[in-house]
Protein backbone atom coordinates (compact mmCIF):
# COMPACT_ATOMS: atom_id res chain seq x y z
CA MET A 1 20.06 -16.83 -25.52
CA SER A 2 20.85 -20.44 -23.78
CA LEU A 3 23.46 -19.93 -20.38
CA ARG A 4 26.66 -22.17 -21.01
CA PRO A 5 27.80 -23.98 -17.38
CA ASP A 6 30.90 -22.26 -18.21
CA GLN A 7 29.21 -18.52 -18.82
CA TYR A 8 28.98 -16.27 -15.70
CA PRO A 9 26.46 -13.38 -15.90
CA ASN A 10 27.37 -10.03 -14.33
CA ILE A 11 24.38 -9.62 -12.83
CA LEU A 12 22.02 -12.40 -11.19
CA ILE A 13 18.50 -11.24 -10.27
CA ILE A 14 16.98 -13.93 -8.19
CA GLY A 15 13.07 -13.30 -8.40
CA ALA A 16 10.87 -12.67 -11.46
CA GLY A 17 8.10 -11.18 -9.76
CA ILE A 18 7.41 -7.27 -10.07
CA PHE A 19 10.61 -5.99 -9.13
CA GLY A 20 12.82 -8.87 -10.83
CA THR A 21 11.36 -8.33 -14.09
CA SER A 22 11.49 -4.66 -14.20
CA THR A 23 14.93 -4.77 -13.51
CA ALA A 24 15.89 -7.42 -16.09
CA TYR A 25 13.91 -5.33 -18.70
CA HIS A 26 15.52 -1.96 -18.38
CA LEU A 27 18.98 -3.65 -17.81
CA SER A 28 18.25 -5.38 -21.16
CA LEU A 29 17.77 -1.56 -22.44
CA SER A 30 21.24 -0.68 -21.69
CA GLU A 31 23.13 0.93 -24.78
CA ASN A 32 26.50 0.72 -23.19
CA ALA A 33 29.58 -0.75 -24.94
CA LYS A 34 29.53 -3.18 -22.29
CA LYS A 35 26.49 -4.31 -22.04
CA PRO A 36 25.51 -6.27 -18.87
CA SER A 37 25.04 -10.08 -18.94
CA VAL A 38 21.67 -10.80 -17.22
CA THR A 39 20.34 -13.91 -15.92
CA VAL A 40 16.95 -14.46 -13.85
CA ILE A 41 16.22 -17.17 -11.71
CA ASP A 42 12.88 -18.45 -10.71
CA THR A 43 11.45 -21.62 -9.35
CA THR A 44 8.75 -21.30 -12.66
CA PRO A 45 8.49 -19.94 -16.17
CA THR A 46 7.36 -16.44 -16.21
CA PRO A 47 5.38 -15.51 -14.09
CA PRO A 48 6.64 -17.08 -11.33
CA SER A 49 3.79 -19.07 -9.73
CA PRO A 50 4.50 -18.10 -6.00
CA ALA A 51 4.87 -14.35 -6.33
CA ALA A 52 2.38 -11.65 -5.73
CA SER A 53 2.59 -10.45 -9.34
CA ASN A 54 1.46 -13.62 -10.84
CA ASP A 55 -2.05 -12.97 -10.24
CA LEU A 56 -5.63 -12.45 -12.58
CA ASN A 57 -5.05 -8.85 -12.07
CA LYS A 58 -3.86 -6.20 -9.76
CA ILE A 59 -4.95 -2.07 -9.12
CA ILE A 60 -3.05 0.19 -11.04
CA ARG A 61 -3.71 3.28 -8.75
CA ALA A 62 -2.45 7.07 -8.22
CA ASP A 63 -4.16 7.28 -4.88
CA TYR A 64 -1.44 8.05 -2.67
CA THR A 65 -1.23 10.58 0.59
CA ASN A 66 2.82 10.72 -0.33
CA GLU A 67 4.04 12.83 -2.96
CA LEU A 68 6.77 10.32 -3.84
CA TYR A 69 4.32 7.50 -4.61
CA MET A 70 2.00 9.55 -6.30
CA LYS A 71 4.20 10.76 -8.61
CA LEU A 72 5.81 7.45 -9.07
CA ALA A 73 2.60 5.93 -10.26
CA LEU A 74 1.27 8.78 -12.50
CA GLU A 75 4.59 8.33 -14.59
CA ALA A 76 3.74 4.22 -14.70
CA ILE A 77 0.26 4.75 -15.57
CA GLU A 78 1.48 6.96 -18.35
CA GLN A 79 3.45 4.16 -19.17
CA TRP A 80 0.59 1.55 -19.02
CA ALA A 81 -1.27 3.16 -21.44
CA ALA A 82 1.61 4.06 -23.64
CA TRP A 83 3.78 0.79 -24.20
CA ASP A 84 2.78 -1.28 -27.15
CA PHE A 85 3.36 -4.61 -24.90
CA LEU A 86 1.79 -3.29 -21.99
CA LYS A 87 -1.15 -1.27 -22.92
CA PRO A 88 -3.14 -4.23 -23.86
CA PHE A 89 -3.41 -5.41 -20.53
CA TYR A 90 -4.38 -2.35 -18.83
CA HIS A 91 -8.12 -1.17 -17.99
CA ASN A 92 -8.59 2.48 -17.07
CA SER A 93 -11.59 1.47 -15.24
CA GLY A 94 -11.18 4.11 -12.31
CA ARG A 95 -12.02 3.32 -9.06
CA VAL A 96 -15.12 4.06 -6.55
CA THR A 97 -14.10 4.02 -2.50
CA LEU A 98 -16.43 3.56 0.14
CA ASN A 99 -14.94 5.89 2.96
CA GLU A 100 -14.82 5.17 6.93
CA TRP A 101 -15.97 7.90 8.88
CA ASP A 102 -12.78 7.84 11.26
CA SER A 103 -10.69 7.88 8.50
CA ASP A 104 -9.34 11.40 6.77
CA TYR A 105 -7.36 9.06 4.11
CA TYR A 106 -9.05 10.05 1.15
CA GLU A 107 -8.98 14.04 1.89
CA ARG A 108 -5.54 13.73 2.34
CA ILE A 109 -5.01 11.86 -1.04
CA GLN A 110 -6.98 14.64 -2.40
CA GLN A 111 -4.94 17.52 -1.00
CA ASN A 112 -1.92 15.86 -2.46
CA PHE A 113 -3.53 15.66 -5.87
CA VAL A 114 -3.61 19.18 -5.71
CA LYS A 115 -0.37 19.47 -4.65
CA VAL A 116 0.86 17.29 -7.35
CA LEU A 117 -1.40 18.06 -10.03
CA GLY A 118 -2.49 21.44 -9.58
CA LYS A 119 -6.03 20.08 -9.34
CA ASP A 120 -8.12 17.49 -7.56
CA PRO A 121 -9.53 14.76 -10.43
CA THR A 122 -11.30 13.25 -8.04
CA ALA A 123 -15.20 13.29 -6.77
CA THR A 124 -16.92 12.86 -3.93
CA PHE A 125 -20.49 11.18 -3.38
CA SER A 126 -22.98 10.22 -1.19
CA LEU A 127 -23.58 6.42 -0.43
CA SER A 128 -26.71 6.55 -2.24
CA ASP A 129 -25.12 7.70 -5.26
CA VAL A 130 -23.06 4.72 -5.80
CA VAL A 131 -24.70 2.05 -3.51
CA GLY A 132 -28.17 0.85 -4.41
CA SER A 133 -30.58 -1.18 -2.32
CA GLU A 134 -30.72 -4.46 -4.14
CA GLY A 135 -34.46 -3.06 -5.69
CA THR A 136 -32.49 -1.04 -8.13
CA ARG A 137 -31.47 -3.38 -10.61
CA GLU A 138 -33.57 -1.94 -12.73
CA ALA A 139 -33.09 1.54 -12.02
CA ALA A 140 -33.18 3.99 -14.79
CA GLN A 141 -30.60 5.60 -16.37
CA PRO A 142 -30.37 9.71 -16.44
CA GLU A 143 -28.19 10.46 -19.37
CA ASN A 144 -26.02 12.77 -17.17
CA ASN A 145 -25.94 10.49 -14.31
CA GLU A 146 -25.29 7.30 -16.63
CA ALA A 147 -22.29 6.49 -14.27
CA LYS A 148 -23.73 6.07 -10.90
CA GLU A 149 -26.68 4.39 -11.65
CA LYS A 150 -24.59 1.69 -13.57
CA TRP A 151 -22.68 1.61 -10.02
CA LYS A 152 -26.25 1.67 -8.08
CA LYS A 153 -26.74 -1.74 -10.15
CA MET A 154 -23.29 -3.17 -9.68
CA PHE A 155 -22.69 -2.42 -5.74
CA ALA A 156 -26.51 -3.13 -4.93
CA GLY A 157 -27.31 -4.43 -1.39
CA THR A 158 -23.58 -3.82 -0.08
CA LYS A 159 -23.60 -3.25 3.39
CA LEU A 160 -22.59 0.56 4.71
CA ASP A 161 -22.23 0.02 8.30
CA GLY A 162 -19.28 2.41 9.22
CA LEU A 163 -19.33 4.15 6.10
CA LYS A 164 -19.47 8.12 5.33
CA ASP A 165 -19.62 8.42 1.29
CA ALA A 166 -17.80 7.71 -1.84
CA TYR A 167 -14.87 8.73 -3.51
CA TRP A 168 -14.08 8.22 -7.39
CA ASN A 169 -11.18 8.76 -9.16
CA SER A 170 -11.07 8.23 -13.23
CA ILE A 171 -7.12 8.00 -13.02
CA GLY A 172 -6.02 4.02 -13.47
CA GLY A 173 -8.19 1.25 -12.93
CA TRP A 174 -6.64 -2.69 -13.14
CA CYS A 175 -4.47 -4.46 -15.24
CA ASP A 176 -4.31 -8.69 -16.23
CA ALA A 177 -0.89 -8.98 -13.78
CA ASP A 178 0.12 -12.51 -15.03
CA LEU A 179 -0.12 -11.49 -18.81
CA ALA A 180 1.95 -7.97 -18.36
CA THR A 181 4.73 -9.59 -16.08
CA LYS A 182 4.95 -12.32 -18.71
CA ALA A 183 5.30 -9.68 -21.77
CA MET A 184 7.62 -7.47 -19.74
CA MET A 185 9.90 -10.89 -19.35
CA LYS A 186 9.17 -11.91 -22.89
CA GLU A 187 10.72 -8.24 -24.42
CA ALA A 188 13.78 -8.37 -21.76
CA GLN A 189 14.87 -11.91 -23.14
CA LYS A 190 14.53 -10.45 -26.35
CA ASN A 191 16.99 -8.28 -25.45
CA GLY A 192 19.45 -10.84 -24.34
CA VAL A 193 18.29 -11.46 -20.77
CA ASN A 194 18.32 -15.63 -19.78
CA TYR A 195 15.62 -17.03 -17.71
CA VAL A 196 16.49 -20.27 -15.46
CA SER A 197 13.39 -21.78 -14.21
CA SER A 198 14.79 -23.76 -11.25
CA GLU A 199 14.42 -23.13 -7.21
CA VAL A 200 17.37 -21.26 -5.51
CA LYS A 201 18.35 -23.97 -2.71
CA ARG A 202 21.00 -21.53 -1.11
CA LEU A 203 23.10 -18.48 -1.55
CA ILE A 204 27.13 -19.18 -1.90
CA LEU A 205 29.28 -17.10 0.10
CA GLY A 206 32.70 -16.33 -1.65
CA SER A 207 35.82 -14.59 -0.06
CA THR A 208 34.69 -10.96 -1.73
CA GLY A 209 31.10 -11.27 -1.20
CA LEU A 210 28.20 -13.46 -2.45
CA ARG A 211 29.67 -15.56 -5.11
CA GLY A 212 26.47 -16.66 -6.54
CA ALA A 213 23.51 -19.14 -6.18
CA GLU A 214 23.06 -23.27 -6.49
CA VAL A 215 19.53 -24.24 -7.87
CA ALA A 216 17.85 -27.28 -7.43
CA ASP A 217 19.82 -29.21 -9.81
CA GLY A 218 23.09 -28.59 -8.50
CA ARG A 219 24.24 -25.77 -11.07
CA VAL A 220 25.98 -22.99 -9.69
CA PHE A 221 24.81 -19.50 -11.40
CA THR A 222 27.72 -16.88 -10.15
CA ALA A 223 27.86 -13.01 -11.02
CA ASP A 224 29.63 -9.75 -10.04
CA LYS A 225 26.29 -8.66 -8.86
CA ILE A 226 23.30 -10.40 -7.36
CA LEU A 227 19.90 -9.02 -6.85
CA LEU A 228 17.40 -10.39 -4.44
CA ALA A 229 13.84 -9.70 -5.74
CA THR A 230 12.52 -12.37 -3.24
CA GLY A 231 9.34 -10.97 -1.99
CA ALA A 232 8.19 -12.69 1.13
CA TRP A 233 10.76 -15.25 1.04
CA THR A 234 13.88 -12.99 1.42
CA SER A 235 14.55 -13.80 5.02
CA SER A 236 13.83 -17.57 4.26
CA LEU A 237 17.01 -17.01 1.72
CA MET A 238 19.21 -14.55 3.50
CA SER A 239 19.18 -16.43 6.79
CA PRO A 240 21.50 -19.19 5.92
CA VAL A 241 24.15 -16.38 4.90
CA GLU A 242 23.61 -14.36 8.16
CA ASP A 243 24.00 -16.93 10.31
CA SER A 244 27.40 -18.04 8.28
CA LEU A 245 28.79 -14.25 8.66
CA SER A 246 26.79 -13.66 12.48
CA ILE A 247 24.92 -11.16 11.93
CA PRO A 248 23.37 -10.05 14.79
CA PHE A 249 19.05 -10.12 14.81
CA GLU A 250 19.30 -6.33 14.71
CA ASP A 251 21.01 -6.22 11.69
CA ARG A 252 19.27 -9.03 9.42
CA VAL A 253 16.61 -8.27 6.51
CA GLU A 254 13.77 -9.83 8.70
CA LEU A 255 13.97 -6.38 10.30
CA GLN A 256 13.51 -4.49 7.07
CA ALA A 257 10.88 -6.59 5.29
CA THR A 258 8.51 -9.04 6.90
CA ALA A 259 6.28 -11.83 5.10
CA ALA A 260 2.81 -10.92 4.99
CA GLY A 261 -0.17 -12.79 3.60
CA VAL A 262 -4.20 -11.69 2.46
CA CYS A 263 -6.46 -14.28 1.83
CA VAL A 264 -8.31 -13.78 -1.89
CA LEU A 265 -11.58 -15.20 -2.76
CA HIS A 266 -12.12 -15.85 -6.36
CA TYR A 267 -16.07 -16.27 -8.00
CA HIS A 268 -16.92 -17.06 -11.76
CA LEU A 269 -19.20 -15.56 -13.37
CA GLY A 270 -22.12 -16.43 -15.73
CA LEU A 271 -22.80 -14.49 -19.14
CA ILE A 272 -24.97 -12.23 -17.91
CA GLU A 273 -23.18 -11.28 -14.91
CA MET A 274 -20.42 -10.64 -17.32
CA ARG A 275 -22.49 -8.28 -19.41
CA GLU A 276 -24.06 -6.38 -15.81
CA LEU A 277 -20.26 -5.90 -15.02
CA GLN A 278 -18.94 -4.72 -18.03
CA ASP A 279 -17.66 -1.03 -16.99
CA MET A 280 -17.29 -2.10 -13.69
CA PRO A 281 -14.68 0.01 -11.57
CA VAL A 282 -12.39 -1.25 -9.26
CA PHE A 283 -14.23 -1.18 -5.94
CA ILE A 284 -12.35 -0.59 -2.53
CA TYR A 285 -14.65 -1.40 0.53
CA GLY A 286 -13.31 1.03 3.29
CA THR A 287 -10.19 -0.51 4.91
CA ASN A 288 -12.01 -4.35 4.61
CA GLY A 289 -10.66 -5.23 1.09
CA GLU A 290 -11.03 -4.31 -2.41
CA VAL A 291 -13.14 -6.12 -5.63
CA LEU A 292 -11.79 -6.29 -9.08
CA PRO A 293 -13.51 -6.47 -12.27
CA PRO A 294 -13.47 -9.84 -14.38
CA SER A 295 -11.98 -9.90 -17.33
CA GLN A 296 -13.26 -11.45 -20.37
CA ARG A 297 -10.56 -14.32 -20.15
CA SER A 298 -10.75 -15.30 -16.58
CA ARG A 299 -14.87 -14.26 -15.81
CA ILE A 300 -13.75 -14.32 -12.55
CA LEU A 301 -14.77 -11.77 -9.55
CA LYS A 302 -11.93 -11.15 -7.41
CA TYR A 303 -12.46 -10.19 -3.78
CA THR A 304 -9.50 -9.60 -1.30
CA ASN A 305 -9.36 -9.57 2.48
CA ALA A 306 -7.43 -6.46 3.36
CA ASN A 307 -6.50 -8.08 7.21
CA SER A 308 -3.52 -9.51 6.55
CA PHE A 309 -0.80 -11.86 8.67
CA SER A 310 2.57 -13.12 9.01
CA ASN A 311 4.26 -16.70 9.51
CA HIS A 312 6.73 -16.68 11.42
CA TYR A 313 8.93 -19.46 12.59
CA ARG A 314 12.01 -20.59 14.45
CA THR A 315 14.79 -21.54 11.92
CA SER A 316 17.30 -24.38 13.07
CA SER A 317 19.94 -22.16 14.31
CA GLY A 318 17.34 -20.57 16.72
CA GLN A 319 16.17 -17.04 14.63
CA ILE A 320 12.96 -16.09 14.53
CA ILE A 321 12.22 -15.26 10.42
CA SER A 322 8.80 -15.18 8.46
CA ALA A 323 8.40 -16.66 5.18
CA PRO A 324 5.29 -18.00 3.26
CA PRO A 325 4.42 -22.16 4.34
CA ARG A 326 5.83 -24.48 1.80
CA ARG A 327 2.52 -26.02 1.07
CA SER A 328 0.02 -24.79 -1.73
CA GLN A 329 -0.96 -21.28 -1.52
CA PHE A 330 -4.38 -22.73 -2.29
CA ILE A 331 -4.92 -24.29 0.83
CA VAL A 332 -6.85 -21.81 3.14
CA SER A 333 -8.32 -23.31 6.19
CA GLU A 334 -12.05 -23.02 7.18
CA LYS A 335 -11.50 -20.37 9.79
CA LEU A 336 -10.02 -17.85 7.46
CA LYS A 337 -12.09 -18.58 4.73
CA LYS A 338 -15.16 -17.70 7.29
CA GLU A 339 -13.56 -14.81 7.83
CA THR A 340 -13.36 -13.38 4.41
CA MET A 341 -16.60 -13.78 3.93
CA GLU A 342 -17.89 -12.21 6.75
CA VAL A 343 -15.50 -9.44 6.29
CA ILE A 344 -15.97 -8.70 2.43
CA GLY A 345 -17.41 -11.72 0.51
CA GLU A 346 -20.98 -11.20 1.99
CA LYS A 347 -20.83 -7.58 2.36
CA ALA A 348 -19.33 -5.94 -0.80
CA MET A 349 -21.55 -6.66 -4.08
CA PRO A 350 -23.27 -9.49 -2.41
CA ARG A 351 -25.59 -10.76 -5.24
CA PHE A 352 -22.66 -12.14 -7.08
CA SER A 353 -21.49 -14.08 -4.26
CA ARG A 354 -24.56 -14.87 -2.25
CA GLY A 355 -25.74 -18.69 -2.74
CA LYS A 356 -22.32 -19.43 -4.74
CA GLU A 357 -19.08 -21.76 -4.23
CA PRO A 358 -16.23 -19.99 -4.88
CA ASP A 359 -14.06 -21.10 -7.88
CA HIS A 360 -11.48 -20.95 -5.38
CA TRP A 361 -9.26 -19.61 -2.85
CA ARG A 362 -5.65 -18.02 -2.36
CA LEU A 363 -3.32 -16.94 0.21
CA CYS A 364 -1.36 -14.04 -1.97
CA TRP A 365 2.31 -13.21 -0.26
CA ASP A 366 4.28 -10.18 -0.04
CA ALA A 367 7.06 -8.60 1.77
CA VAL A 368 5.99 -5.71 4.21
CA THR A 369 8.67 -3.21 4.93
CA PRO A 370 7.76 -1.18 8.14
CA SER A 371 7.34 2.05 6.54
CA GLN A 372 5.66 0.25 3.47
CA ASP A 373 8.28 1.87 1.34
CA HIS A 374 10.49 -0.43 -0.74
CA LEU A 375 13.72 -1.91 -0.11
CA ILE A 376 15.95 -0.91 -2.90
CA THR A 377 19.28 -0.55 -1.78
CA LYS A 378 22.82 -2.55 -1.31
CA HIS A 379 23.40 -4.25 1.77
CA PRO A 380 25.01 -2.40 4.34
CA ASP A 381 27.55 -5.49 5.43
CA PRO A 382 30.86 -4.70 3.55
CA ARG A 383 31.14 -8.57 3.50
CA LEU A 384 28.07 -8.65 1.06
CA SER A 385 29.15 -5.65 -0.76
CA ASN A 386 27.95 -6.94 -4.16
CA LEU A 387 24.66 -7.95 -3.02
CA TYR A 388 21.16 -5.90 -3.71
CA PHE A 389 17.71 -5.62 -2.37
CA ALA A 390 14.43 -4.78 -4.44
CA VAL A 391 11.74 -5.97 -2.06
CA GLY A 392 8.98 -4.74 0.12
CA GLY A 393 6.16 -4.17 -2.27
CA SER A 394 3.84 -4.16 0.85
CA PHE A 395 0.94 -5.13 -1.45
CA HIS A 396 0.94 -1.65 -3.49
CA SER A 397 3.74 -1.94 -5.75
CA TYR A 398 2.41 -3.87 -9.04
CA LYS A 399 1.35 -0.66 -10.72
CA PHE A 400 5.03 0.29 -11.01
CA LEU A 401 6.08 -2.58 -13.07
CA PRO A 402 6.74 -0.52 -16.22
CA ASN A 403 8.96 1.94 -13.97
CA ILE A 404 10.64 0.82 -10.59
CA GLY A 405 13.33 -1.56 -12.84
CA SER A 406 14.67 1.61 -14.09
CA TYR A 407 15.57 3.16 -10.57
CA VAL A 408 16.73 -0.18 -9.34
CA CYS A 409 19.03 -0.32 -12.15
CA ARG A 410 20.64 3.07 -10.87
CA VAL A 411 21.51 1.40 -7.92
CA LEU A 412 23.17 -1.68 -9.27
CA GLU A 413 25.33 1.05 -10.83
CA GLY A 414 26.12 2.85 -7.55
CA LEU A 415 24.44 5.96 -8.95
CA SER A 416 22.03 8.33 -7.08
CA ASN A 417 17.87 8.28 -7.51
CA GLY A 418 18.13 11.50 -5.69
CA ASN A 419 17.91 12.55 -1.96
CA GLU A 420 14.06 11.83 -1.59
CA LYS A 421 14.04 8.38 -2.91
CA ASP A 422 17.85 6.89 -1.71
CA GLN A 423 15.95 7.91 1.92
CA VAL A 424 13.08 6.38 1.33
CA TRP A 425 14.61 3.07 -0.27
CA ARG A 426 17.45 2.42 1.70
CA TRP A 427 18.81 0.04 4.73
CA LYS A 428 17.05 1.39 7.91
CA THR A 429 18.63 1.05 11.40
CA GLY A 430 17.23 1.83 14.77
CA THR A 431 13.83 3.04 14.65
CA ASP A 432 14.48 4.87 11.67
CA GLY A 433 12.40 2.50 9.54
CA LYS A 434 8.95 3.57 11.82
CA ILE A 435 6.99 6.70 10.61
CA GLN A 436 4.03 7.68 11.86
CA ARG A 437 1.90 6.92 8.73
CA GLY A 438 3.08 4.60 6.15
CA ALA A 439 2.64 4.55 2.41
CA HIS A 440 -0.03 1.33 2.57
CA GLU A 441 -1.01 1.52 6.34
CA LYS A 442 -3.91 -0.49 6.50
CA ILE A 443 -1.55 -4.00 4.90
CA VAL A 444 0.88 -4.34 7.99
CA PRO A 445 0.63 -7.63 9.41
CA THR A 446 -0.68 -8.05 13.20
CA ARG A 447 -1.52 -11.55 13.58
CA GLU A 448 0.05 -14.93 12.60
CA LEU A 449 -1.23 -17.64 10.18
CA LYS A 450 -1.02 -20.17 12.37
CA ASP A 451 -4.07 -18.53 14.89
CA LEU A 452 -6.51 -18.86 11.62
CA GLU A 453 -5.55 -22.47 11.22
CA GLU A 454 -6.60 -24.44 13.96
CA ASP A 455 -9.72 -25.42 12.75
CA ASN A 456 -8.14 -27.93 10.08
CA GLY A 457 -5.15 -29.31 11.71
CA LEU A 458 -2.94 -26.64 9.58
CA LYS A 459 -1.64 -24.76 12.44
CA GLY A 460 2.06 -24.80 12.82
CA LYS A 461 2.55 -26.77 9.48
CA LEU A 462 4.89 -25.08 7.08
């Protein structure tokens, strides 16, 4: 479906990551007589290259201390396993987590499973059950203990300082994220959604709200309703609009969702290593990060350093906002590389990283909210009454690709998702966005990227 210059969509979605793609898909399923015309804009063809959802793989899990997200994740996992265009990219590998002594996080998850499912599907093992010494590569495999013996080989040599036990859950696993995002957008396009590959340069105000968006080649796309699914780039896109309307700092989107990044390390594996990791589960290394299984397609073992950071800077109008640097995401400072190796690269599954040169590095960016809840809501300012947000993935939301768009659609239609979701996903004011325990606490940034970059001249560069 091509868009004529004079043909204006009813709904304009800016951003084609998980929120934008899922919403476009669910909008395209509308059976109403007046089916909305939907246009999605992002900088590159799907999956958009800067987005967190454009990744080799992402974790699919239902392990939450929060009932809302556990139920939402279980709903999504059923869809991952059942939908024809998604199930080829879903791998039900399960996950092994190494727990820290000073954390009750997984005990709370187990209690939550009992509340939601009426039973606990997880199991807790001693560290020696799942992590062998370097000499366990040729260990025997008793028939009734085959999985644990495989884990001992895979995770052999992992450093166990500060860790108390291991947690196993067979529900979930991981997915080929870039391929799944592309497949869902393809389905949306089959149903009539228009996709525009171009950078949005600015949002355009009208007399009764946002008029539309101007892209890099000067085209203007207008709509009755505009959805920002722009992740870590939300504040930078909104700031000029907020300036024009003299919106005070406490009412700006920066306080709703902050740009945050994590460092990701990738190793290319040989064929023998691939065979050894054929049945690898997702491996969570305490709060330090995780190691994701390699796909046959990429043969990449991915390590994520969960110690996040933000990137704040002052705009020309004097406002402090956060956004990813404008340089390539594959430029990573030596200081941050060193930290990532020390935190996880040299400690988790070290025999697959020791003595090797990484295939590549990446800074992965997302928008993190104070409570790590999604922000799925209409803008509260009456001058922006046709502007909506679906952001705040907070590094735990890719699993919701199949279903989150259905909830965004209800917000666009002015309908309730039920009191609990409406309250959790609303625009927060004052201190009501700050809660004692969030949905993904370990990922909230407490430091700045610039402080990790002075060693190679990158400090302060956008």
